[in-house]
Amino acid sequence: MNPSNSNSSPSVAARIVLGDTRLTFDQLDPTLHWPLTVEISGDALARVRASRSAVEQHLATDKAIYGVNTGFGKLCNVRIRRTSLPSFK
């Protein structure tokens, strides 16, 4: 596979698994030129789900959570209405 020549085809499809290890630039380089399969490990998916659950539990308390139900930067003191939250995803 020659990533610098976009006219040649890869001998092996690029595959990246998001999970417990850091993603390096060397791993990303082939993805800039070839089709890519991106997967998320089961452990990483479990952590994402746990994080989402924690955010949802905090939102249920109606407390301000910076960047989740408030604006960013200078707008950090501006609350976003609960009914408007889905449009800010």
PDB file of N, CA and C in Angstrom:
ATOM      1  N   MET A   1       0.843  -1.178   0.000  1.00  0.00           N
ATOM      2  CA  MET A   1       0.000   0.000   0.000  1.00  0.00           C
ATOM      3  C   MET A   1       0.881   1.231   0.000  1.00  0.00           C
ATOM      4  N   ASN A   2       0.576   2.170  -0.844  1.00  0.00           N
ATOM      5  CA  ASN A   2       1.346   3.403  -0.954  1.00  0.00           C
ATOM      6  C   ASN A   2       0.431   4.584  -0.687  1.00  0.00           C
ATOM      7  N   PRO A   3       0.368   5.074   0.562  1.00  0.00           N
ATOM      8  CA  PRO A   3      -0.555   6.158   0.912  1.00  0.00           C
ATOM      9  C   PRO A   3      -0.301   7.440   0.142  1.00  0.00           C
ATOM     10  N   SER A   4       0.902   7.651  -0.368  1.00  0.00           N
ATOM     11  CA  SER A   4       1.183   8.902  -1.060  1.00  0.00           C
ATOM     12  C   SER A   4       0.659   8.894  -2.487  1.00  0.00           C
ATOM     13  N   ASN A   5       0.296   7.736  -3.028  1.00  0.00           N
ATOM     14  CA  ASN A   5      -0.206   7.630  -4.388  1.00  0.00           C
ATOM     15  C   ASN A   5      -1.669   7.229  -4.332  1.00  0.00           C
ATOM     16  N   SER A   6      -2.580   8.176  -4.567  1.00  0.00           N
ATOM     17  CA  SER A   6      -4.002   7.912  -4.421  1.00  0.00           C
ATOM     18  C   SER A   6      -4.541   7.037  -5.545  1.00  0.00           C
ATOM     19  N   ASN A   7      -3.734   6.748  -6.594  1.00  0.00           N
ATOM     20  CA  ASN A   7      -4.205   5.917  -7.692  1.00  0.00           C
ATOM     21  C   ASN A   7      -3.982   4.432  -7.449  1.00  0.00           C
ATOM     22  N   SER A   8      -3.147   4.072  -6.489  1.00  0.00           N
ATOM     23  CA  SER A   8      -2.933   2.655  -6.209  1.00  0.00           C
ATOM     24  C   SER A   8      -3.939   2.206  -5.169  1.00  0.00           C
ATOM     25  N   SER A   9      -4.200   0.924  -5.123  1.00  0.00           N
ATOM     26  CA  SER A   9      -5.177   0.422  -4.160  1.00  0.00           C
ATOM     27  C   SER A   9      -4.464  -0.322  -3.044  1.00  0.00           C
ATOM     28  N   PRO A  10      -5.028  -0.307  -1.847  1.00  0.00           N
ATOM     29  CA  PRO A  10      -4.390  -0.964  -0.707  1.00  0.00           C
ATOM     30  C   PRO A  10      -4.490  -2.472  -0.823  1.00  0.00           C
ATOM     31  N   SER A  11      -3.499  -3.158  -0.287  1.00  0.00           N
ATOM     32  CA  SER A  11      -3.554  -4.618  -0.267  1.00  0.00           C
ATOM     33  C   SER A  11      -4.395  -5.106   0.906  1.00  0.00           C
ATOM     34  N   VAL A  12      -4.510  -4.301   1.944  1.00  0.00           N
ATOM     35  CA  VAL A  12      -5.309  -4.636   3.122  1.00  0.00           C
ATOM     36  C   VAL A  12      -6.132  -3.407   3.494  1.00  0.00           C
ATOM     37  N   ALA A  13      -7.400  -3.589   3.748  1.00  0.00           N
ATOM     38  CA  ALA A  13      -8.253  -2.470   4.146  1.00  0.00           C
ATOM     39  C   ALA A  13      -7.813  -1.949   5.500  1.00  0.00           C
ATOM     40  N   ALA A  14      -7.845  -0.632   5.670  1.00  0.00           N
ATOM     41  CA  ALA A  14      -7.474  -0.021   6.947  1.00  0.00           C
ATOM     42  C   ALA A  14      -8.584  -0.274   7.962  1.00  0.00           C
ATOM     43  N   ARG A  15      -8.192  -0.572   9.188  1.00  0.00           N
ATOM     44  CA  ARG A  15      -9.144  -0.847  10.270  1.00  0.00           C
ATOM     45  C   ARG A  15      -8.610  -0.232  11.546  1.00  0.00           C
ATOM     46  N   ILE A  16      -9.465   0.488  12.244  1.00  0.00           N
ATOM     47  CA  ILE A  16      -9.099   1.095  13.525  1.00  0.00           C
ATOM     48  C   ILE A  16     -10.158   0.697  14.539  1.00  0.00           C
ATOM     49  N   VAL A  17      -9.699   0.269  15.719  1.00  0.00           N
ATOM     50  CA  VAL A  17     -10.612  -0.061  16.809  1.00  0.00           C
ATOM     51  C   VAL A  17     -10.392   0.975  17.904  1.00  0.00           C
ATOM     52  N   LEU A  18     -11.431   1.732  18.201  1.00  0.00           N
ATOM     53  CA  LEU A  18     -11.365   2.709  19.277  1.00  0.00           C
ATOM     54  C   LEU A  18     -11.610   1.968  20.579  1.00  0.00           C
ATOM     55  N   GLY A  19     -10.754   2.220  21.547  1.00  0.00           N
ATOM     56  CA  GLY A  19     -10.928   1.486  22.797  1.00  0.00           C
ATOM     57  C   GLY A  19      -9.955   1.898  23.861  1.00  0.00           C
ATOM     58  N   ASP A  20      -9.155   0.946  24.316  1.00  0.00           N
ATOM     59  CA  ASP A  20      -8.322   1.154  25.497  1.00  0.00           C
ATOM     60  C   ASP A  20      -6.960   1.774  25.216  1.00  0.00           C
ATOM     61  N   THR A  21      -6.545   1.844  23.963  1.00  0.00           N
ATOM     62  CA  THR A  21      -5.231   2.407  23.657  1.00  0.00           C
ATOM     63  C   THR A  21      -5.388   3.707  22.893  1.00  0.00           C
ATOM     64  N   ARG A  22      -4.360   4.533  22.972  1.00  0.00           N
ATOM     65  CA  ARG A  22      -4.385   5.803  22.265  1.00  0.00           C
ATOM     66  C   ARG A  22      -4.207   5.581  20.774  1.00  0.00           C
ATOM     67  N   LEU A  23      -4.884   6.403  20.002  1.00  0.00           N
ATOM     68  CA  LEU A  23      -4.765   6.363  18.559  1.00  0.00           C
ATOM     69  C   LEU A  23      -3.575   7.226  18.168  1.00  0.00           C
ATOM     70  N   THR A  24      -2.670   6.675  17.351  1.00  0.00           N
ATOM     71  CA  THR A  24      -1.469   7.407  16.951  1.00  0.00           C
ATOM     72  C   THR A  24      -1.616   7.964  15.541  1.00  0.00           C
ATOM     73  N   PHE A  25      -0.777   8.921  15.190  1.00  0.00           N
ATOM     74  CA  PHE A  25      -0.776   9.468  13.837  1.00  0.00           C
ATOM     75  C   PHE A  25      -0.405   8.388  12.819  1.00  0.00           C
ATOM     76  N   ASP A  26       0.469   7.471  13.207  1.00  0.00           N
ATOM     77  CA  ASP A  26       0.836   6.378  12.305  1.00  0.00           C
ATOM     78  C   ASP A  26      -0.370   5.507  11.974  1.00  0.00           C
ATOM     79  N   GLN A  27      -1.273   5.342  12.929  1.00  0.00           N
ATOM     80  CA  GLN A  27      -2.480   4.565  12.667  1.00  0.00           C
ATOM     81  C   GLN A  27      -3.455   5.332  11.780  1.00  0.00           C
ATOM     82  N   LEU A  28      -3.469   6.652  11.914  1.00  0.00           N
ATOM     83  CA  LEU A  28      -4.390   7.473  11.134  1.00  0.00           C
ATOM     84  C   LEU A  28      -3.919   7.709   9.704  1.00  0.00           C
ATOM     85  N   ASP A  29      -2.614   7.716   9.466  1.00  0.00           N
ATOM     86  CA  ASP A  29      -2.085   8.052   8.146  1.00  0.00           C
ATOM     87  C   ASP A  29      -2.724   7.257   7.014  1.00  0.00           C
ATOM     88  N   PRO A  30      -2.832   5.933   7.116  1.00  0.00           N
ATOM     89  CA  PRO A  30      -3.447   5.194   6.014  1.00  0.00           C
ATOM     90  C   PRO A  30      -4.914   5.555   5.793  1.00  0.00           C
ATOM     91  N   THR A  31      -5.584   6.026   6.829  1.00  0.00           N
ATOM     92  CA  THR A  31      -7.001   6.341   6.710  1.00  0.00           C
ATOM     93  C   THR A  31      -7.244   7.588   5.883  1.00  0.00           C
ATOM     94  N   LEU A  32      -6.211   8.366   5.640  1.00  0.00           N
ATOM     95  CA  LEU A  32      -6.373   9.578   4.856  1.00  0.00           C
ATOM     96  C   LEU A  32      -6.501   9.275   3.367  1.00  0.00           C
ATOM     97  N   HIS A  33      -6.150   8.069   2.969  1.00  0.00           N
ATOM     98  CA  HIS A  33      -6.111   7.737   1.554  1.00  0.00           C
ATOM     99  C   HIS A  33      -6.943   6.533   1.168  1.00  0.00           C
ATOM    100  N   TRP A  34      -7.365   5.723   2.108  1.00  0.00           N
ATOM    101  CA  TRP A  34      -8.028   4.465   1.789  1.00  0.00           C
ATOM    102  C   TRP A  34      -9.344   4.337   2.536  1.00  0.00           C
ATOM    103  N   PRO A  35     -10.234   3.490   2.043  1.00  0.00           N
ATOM    104  CA  PRO A  35     -11.451   3.206   2.825  1.00  0.00           C
ATOM    105  C   PRO A  35     -11.070   2.675   4.209  1.00  0.00           C
ATOM    106  N   LEU A  36     -11.877   2.973   5.166  1.00  0.00           N
ATOM    107  CA  LEU A  36     -11.545   2.670   6.551  1.00  0.00           C
ATOM    108  C   LEU A  36     -12.737   2.050   7.263  1.00  0.00           C
ATOM    109  N   THR A  37     -12.458   1.054   8.077  1.00  0.00           N
ATOM    110  CA  THR A  37     -13.449   0.496   8.981  1.00  0.00           C
ATOM    111  C   THR A  37     -13.103   0.982  10.381  1.00  0.00           C
ATOM    112  N   VAL A  38     -14.053   1.637  11.045  1.00  0.00           N
ATOM    113  CA  VAL A  38     -13.847   2.105  12.418  1.00  0.00           C
ATOM    114  C   VAL A  38     -14.793   1.322  13.316  1.00  0.00           C
ATOM    115  N   GLU A  39     -14.227   0.755  14.371  1.00  0.00           N
ATOM    116  CA  GLU A  39     -15.013  -0.007  15.334  1.00  0.00           C
ATOM    117  C   GLU A  39     -14.756   0.558  16.722  1.00  0.00           C
ATOM    118  N   ILE A  40     -15.666   0.269  17.629  1.00  0.00           N
ATOM    119  CA  ILE A  40     -15.464   0.652  19.024  1.00  0.00           C
ATOM    120  C   ILE A  40     -15.477  -0.636  19.845  1.00  0.00           C
ATOM    121  N   SER A  41     -14.511  -0.765  20.727  1.00  0.00           N
ATOM    122  CA  SER A  41     -14.422  -1.989  21.526  1.00  0.00           C
ATOM    123  C   SER A  41     -15.592  -2.062  22.497  1.00  0.00           C
ATOM    124  N   GLY A  42     -15.895  -3.265  22.943  1.00  0.00           N
ATOM    125  CA  GLY A  42     -16.976  -3.462  23.907  1.00  0.00           C
ATOM    126  C   GLY A  42     -16.747  -2.696  25.200  1.00  0.00           C
ATOM    127  N   ASP A  43     -15.483  -2.685  25.672  1.00  0.00           N
ATOM    128  CA  ASP A  43     -15.161  -1.953  26.904  1.00  0.00           C
ATOM    129  C   ASP A  43     -15.374  -0.451  26.715  1.00  0.00           C
ATOM    130  N   ALA A  44     -14.947   0.069  25.560  1.00  0.00           N
ATOM    131  CA  ALA A  44     -15.116   1.501  25.296  1.00  0.00           C
ATOM    132  C   ALA A  44     -16.594   1.855  25.195  1.00  0.00           C
ATOM    133  N   LEU A  45     -17.373   1.014  24.543  1.00  0.00           N
ATOM    134  CA  LEU A  45     -18.806   1.261  24.432  1.00  0.00           C
ATOM    135  C   LEU A  45     -19.472   1.253  25.805  1.00  0.00           C
ATOM    136  N   ALA A  46     -19.046   0.376  26.677  1.00  0.00           N
ATOM    137  CA  ALA A  46     -19.584   0.332  28.044  1.00  0.00           C
ATOM    138  C   ALA A  46     -19.268   1.635  28.785  1.00  0.00           C
ATOM    139  N   ARG A  47     -18.050   2.158  28.588  1.00  0.00           N
ATOM    140  CA  ARG A  47     -17.681   3.424  29.238  1.00  0.00           C
ATOM    141  C   ARG A  47     -18.499   4.589  28.684  1.00  0.00           C
ATOM    142  N   VAL A  48     -18.762   4.600  27.390  1.00  0.00           N
ATOM    143  CA  VAL A  48     -19.590   5.653  26.785  1.00  0.00           C
ATOM    144  C   VAL A  48     -20.999   5.599  27.370  1.00  0.00           C
ATOM    145  N   ARG A  49     -21.536   4.398  27.467  1.00  0.00           N
ATOM    146  CA  ARG A  49     -22.892   4.256  28.025  1.00  0.00           C
ATOM    147  C   ARG A  49     -22.944   4.686  29.482  1.00  0.00           C
ATOM    148  N   ALA A  50     -21.914   4.359  30.257  1.00  0.00           N
ATOM    149  CA  ALA A  50     -21.870   4.768  31.669  1.00  0.00           C
ATOM    150  C   ALA A  50     -21.776   6.289  31.771  1.00  0.00           C
ATOM    151  N   SER A  51     -20.991   6.906  30.898  1.00  0.00           N
ATOM    152  CA  SER A  51     -20.872   8.369  30.899  1.00  0.00           C
ATOM    153  C   SER A  51     -22.192   9.022  30.548  1.00  0.00           C
ATOM    154  N   ARG A  52     -22.863   8.482  29.545  1.00  0.00           N
ATOM    155  CA  ARG A  52     -24.163   9.035  29.165  1.00  0.00           C
ATOM    156  C   ARG A  52     -25.143   8.934  30.330  1.00  0.00           C
ATOM    157  N   SER A  53     -25.142   7.803  31.000  1.00  0.00           N
ATOM    158  CA  SER A  53     -26.030   7.615  32.141  1.00  0.00           C
ATOM    159  C   SER A  53     -25.741   8.642  33.234  1.00  0.00           C
ATOM    160  N   ALA A  54     -24.463   8.887  33.495  1.00  0.00           N
ATOM    161  CA  ALA A  54     -24.086   9.871  34.521  1.00  0.00           C
ATOM    162  C   ALA A  54     -24.576  11.263  34.140  1.00  0.00           C
ATOM    163  N   VAL A  55     -24.409  11.649  32.876  1.00  0.00           N
ATOM    164  CA  VAL A  55     -24.877  12.966  32.416  1.00  0.00           C
ATOM    165  C   VAL A  55     -26.393  13.047  32.553  1.00  0.00           C
ATOM    166  N   GLU A  56     -27.097  12.005  32.140  1.00  0.00           N
ATOM    167  CA  GLU A  56     -28.556  12.016  32.248  1.00  0.00           C
ATOM    168  C   GLU A  56     -29.018  12.121  33.696  1.00  0.00           C
ATOM    169  N   GLN A  57     -28.310  11.452  34.615  1.00  0.00           N
ATOM    170  CA  GLN A  57     -28.658  11.541  36.035  1.00  0.00           C
ATOM    171  C   GLN A  57     -28.454  12.961  36.550  1.00  0.00           C
ATOM    172  N   HIS A  58     -27.369  13.607  36.130  1.00  0.00           N
ATOM    173  CA  HIS A  58     -27.121  14.991  36.555  1.00  0.00           C
ATOM    174  C   HIS A  58     -28.157  15.937  35.953  1.00  0.00           C
ATOM    175  N   LEU A  59     -28.532  15.702  34.705  1.00  0.00           N
ATOM    176  CA  LEU A  59     -29.553  16.544  34.079  1.00  0.00           C
ATOM    177  C   LEU A  59     -30.888  16.439  34.797  1.00  0.00           C
ATOM    178  N   ALA A  60     -31.179  15.276  35.332  1.00  0.00           N
ATOM    179  CA  ALA A  60     -32.446  15.071  36.044  1.00  0.00           C
ATOM    180  C   ALA A  60     -32.530  15.912  37.306  1.00  0.00           C
ATOM    181  N   THR A  61     -31.369  16.324  37.858  1.00  0.00           N
ATOM    182  CA  THR A  61     -31.369  17.153  39.065  1.00  0.00           C
ATOM    183  C   THR A  61     -31.623  18.616  38.748  1.00  0.00           C
ATOM    184  N   ASP A  62     -31.603  18.982  37.482  1.00  0.00           N
ATOM    185  CA  ASP A  62     -31.813  20.354  37.009  1.00  0.00           C
ATOM    186  C   ASP A  62     -30.685  21.296  37.424  1.00  0.00           C
ATOM    187  N   LYS A  63     -29.522  20.765  37.792  1.00  0.00           N
ATOM    188  CA  LYS A  63     -28.363  21.596  38.091  1.00  0.00           C
ATOM    189  C   LYS A  63     -27.694  22.019  36.791  1.00  0.00           C
ATOM    190  N   ALA A  64     -26.997  23.144  36.833  1.00  0.00           N
ATOM    191  CA  ALA A  64     -26.273  23.620  35.648  1.00  0.00           C
ATOM    192  C   ALA A  64     -25.045  22.744  35.417  1.00  0.00           C
ATOM    193  N   ILE A  65     -24.889  22.292  34.185  1.00  0.00           N
ATOM    194  CA  ILE A  65     -23.725  21.504  33.785  1.00  0.00           C
ATOM    195  C   ILE A  65     -23.101  22.229  32.591  1.00  0.00           C
ATOM    196  N   TYR A  66     -21.927  22.780  32.815  1.00  0.00           N
ATOM    197  CA  TYR A  66     -21.268  23.592  31.796  1.00  0.00           C
ATOM    198  C   TYR A  66     -21.196  22.857  30.458  1.00  0.00           C
ATOM    199  N   GLY A  67     -21.686  23.512  29.421  1.00  0.00           N
ATOM    200  CA  GLY A  67     -21.605  22.956  28.078  1.00  0.00           C
ATOM    201  C   GLY A  67     -22.624  21.878  27.767  1.00  0.00           C
ATOM    202  N   VAL A  68     -23.363  21.436  28.780  1.00  0.00           N
ATOM    203  CA  VAL A  68     -24.398  20.424  28.553  1.00  0.00           C
ATOM    204  C   VAL A  68     -25.761  21.105  28.548  1.00  0.00           C
ATOM    205  N   ASN A  69     -26.051  21.846  29.619  1.00  0.00           N
ATOM    206  CA  ASN A  69     -27.308  22.601  29.649  1.00  0.00           C
ATOM    207  C   ASN A  69     -27.052  24.093  29.885  1.00  0.00           C
ATOM    208  N   THR A  70     -25.804  24.509  29.595  1.00  0.00           N
ATOM    209  CA  THR A  70     -25.458  25.938  29.599  1.00  0.00           C
ATOM    210  C   THR A  70     -24.709  26.239  28.306  1.00  0.00           C
ATOM    211  N   GLY A  71     -24.542  27.523  28.046  1.00  0.00           N
ATOM    212  CA  GLY A  71     -23.715  27.908  26.910  1.00  0.00           C
ATOM    213  C   GLY A  71     -22.244  27.698  27.242  1.00  0.00           C
ATOM    214  N   PHE A  72     -21.385  28.077  26.283  1.00  0.00           N
ATOM    215  CA  PHE A  72     -19.935  27.959  26.453  1.00  0.00           C
ATOM    216  C   PHE A  72     -19.324  29.351  26.606  1.00  0.00           C
ATOM    217  N   GLY A  73     -18.141  29.408  27.205  1.00  0.00           N
ATOM    218  CA  GLY A  73     -17.400  30.664  27.290  1.00  0.00           C
ATOM    219  C   GLY A  73     -18.204  31.758  27.961  1.00  0.00           C
ATOM    220  N   LYS A  74     -18.363  32.886  27.272  1.00  0.00           N
ATOM    221  CA  LYS A  74     -19.090  34.030  27.832  1.00  0.00           C
ATOM    222  C   LYS A  74     -20.557  33.716  28.087  1.00  0.00           C
ATOM    223  N   LEU A  75     -21.057  32.668  27.457  1.00  0.00           N
ATOM    224  CA  LEU A  75     -22.458  32.288  27.641  1.00  0.00           C
ATOM    225  C   LEU A  75     -22.639  31.190  28.693  1.00  0.00           C
ATOM    226  N   CYS A  76     -21.610  30.991  29.516  1.00  0.00           N
ATOM    227  CA  CYS A  76     -21.666  29.903  30.502  1.00  0.00           C
ATOM    228  C   CYS A  76     -22.772  30.082  31.528  1.00  0.00           C
ATOM    229  N   ASN A  77     -23.237  31.304  31.718  1.00  0.00           N
ATOM    230  CA  ASN A  77     -24.312  31.555  32.685  1.00  0.00           C
ATOM    231  C   ASN A  77     -25.689  31.525  32.040  1.00  0.00           C
ATOM    232  N   VAL A  78     -25.744  31.213  30.758  1.00  0.00           N
ATOM    233  CA  VAL A  78     -27.024  31.131  30.059  1.00  0.00           C
ATOM    234  C   VAL A  78     -27.482  29.677  30.049  1.00  0.00           C
ATOM    235  N   ARG A  79     -28.622  29.422  30.669  1.00  0.00           N
ATOM    236  CA  ARG A  79     -29.162  28.064  30.724  1.00  0.00           C
ATOM    237  C   ARG A  79     -29.925  27.760  29.443  1.00  0.00           C
ATOM    238  N   ILE A  80     -29.806  26.553  28.977  1.00  0.00           N
ATOM    239  CA  ILE A  80     -30.545  26.072  27.816  1.00  0.00           C
ATOM    240  C   ILE A  80     -31.769  25.332  28.349  1.00  0.00           C
ATOM    241  N   ARG A  81     -32.932  25.699  27.863  1.00  0.00           N
ATOM    242  CA  ARG A  81     -34.162  25.052  28.317  1.00  0.00           C
ATOM    243  C   ARG A  81     -34.102  23.552  28.033  1.00  0.00           C
ATOM    244  N   ARG A  82     -34.667  22.780  28.922  1.00  0.00           N
ATOM    245  CA  ARG A  82     -34.685  21.313  28.772  1.00  0.00           C
ATOM    246  C   ARG A  82     -35.290  20.921  27.423  1.00  0.00           C
ATOM    247  N   THR A  83     -36.325  21.616  27.009  1.00  0.00           N
ATOM    248  CA  THR A  83     -36.973  21.282  25.736  1.00  0.00           C
ATOM    249  C   THR A  83     -36.090  21.598  24.533  1.00  0.00           C
ATOM    250  N   SER A  84     -35.093  22.461  24.706  1.00  0.00           N
ATOM    251  CA  SER A  84     -34.198  22.830  23.618  1.00  0.00           C
ATOM    252  C   SER A  84     -32.933  21.976  23.565  1.00  0.00           C
ATOM    253  N   LEU A  85     -32.668  21.206  24.606  1.00  0.00           N
ATOM    254  CA  LEU A  85     -31.434  20.423  24.678  1.00  0.00           C
ATOM    255  C   LEU A  85     -31.219  19.482  23.485  1.00  0.00           C
ATOM    256  N   PRO A  86     -32.258  18.781  22.997  1.00  0.00           N
ATOM    257  CA  PRO A  86     -32.012  17.867  21.871  1.00  0.00           C
ATOM    258  C   PRO A  86     -31.434  18.550  20.637  1.00  0.00           C
ATOM    259  N   SER A  87     -31.724  19.818  20.432  1.00  0.00           N
ATOM    260  CA  SER A  87     -31.192  20.508  19.256  1.00  0.00           C
ATOM    261  C   SER A  87     -29.745  20.940  19.451  1.00  0.00           C
ATOM    262  N   PHE A  88     -29.183  20.790  20.646  1.00  0.00           N
ATOM    263  CA  PHE A  88     -27.801  21.167  20.927  1.00  0.00           C
ATOM    264  C   PHE A  88     -26.877  19.970  21.004  1.00  0.00           C
ATOM    265  N   LYS A  89     -27.310  18.815  20.585  1.00  0.00           N
ATOM    266  CA  LYS A  89     -26.473  17.605  20.631  1.00  0.00           C
ATOM    267  C   LYS A  89     -25.316  17.728  19.688  1.00  0.00           C
TER     268      LYS A  89
END
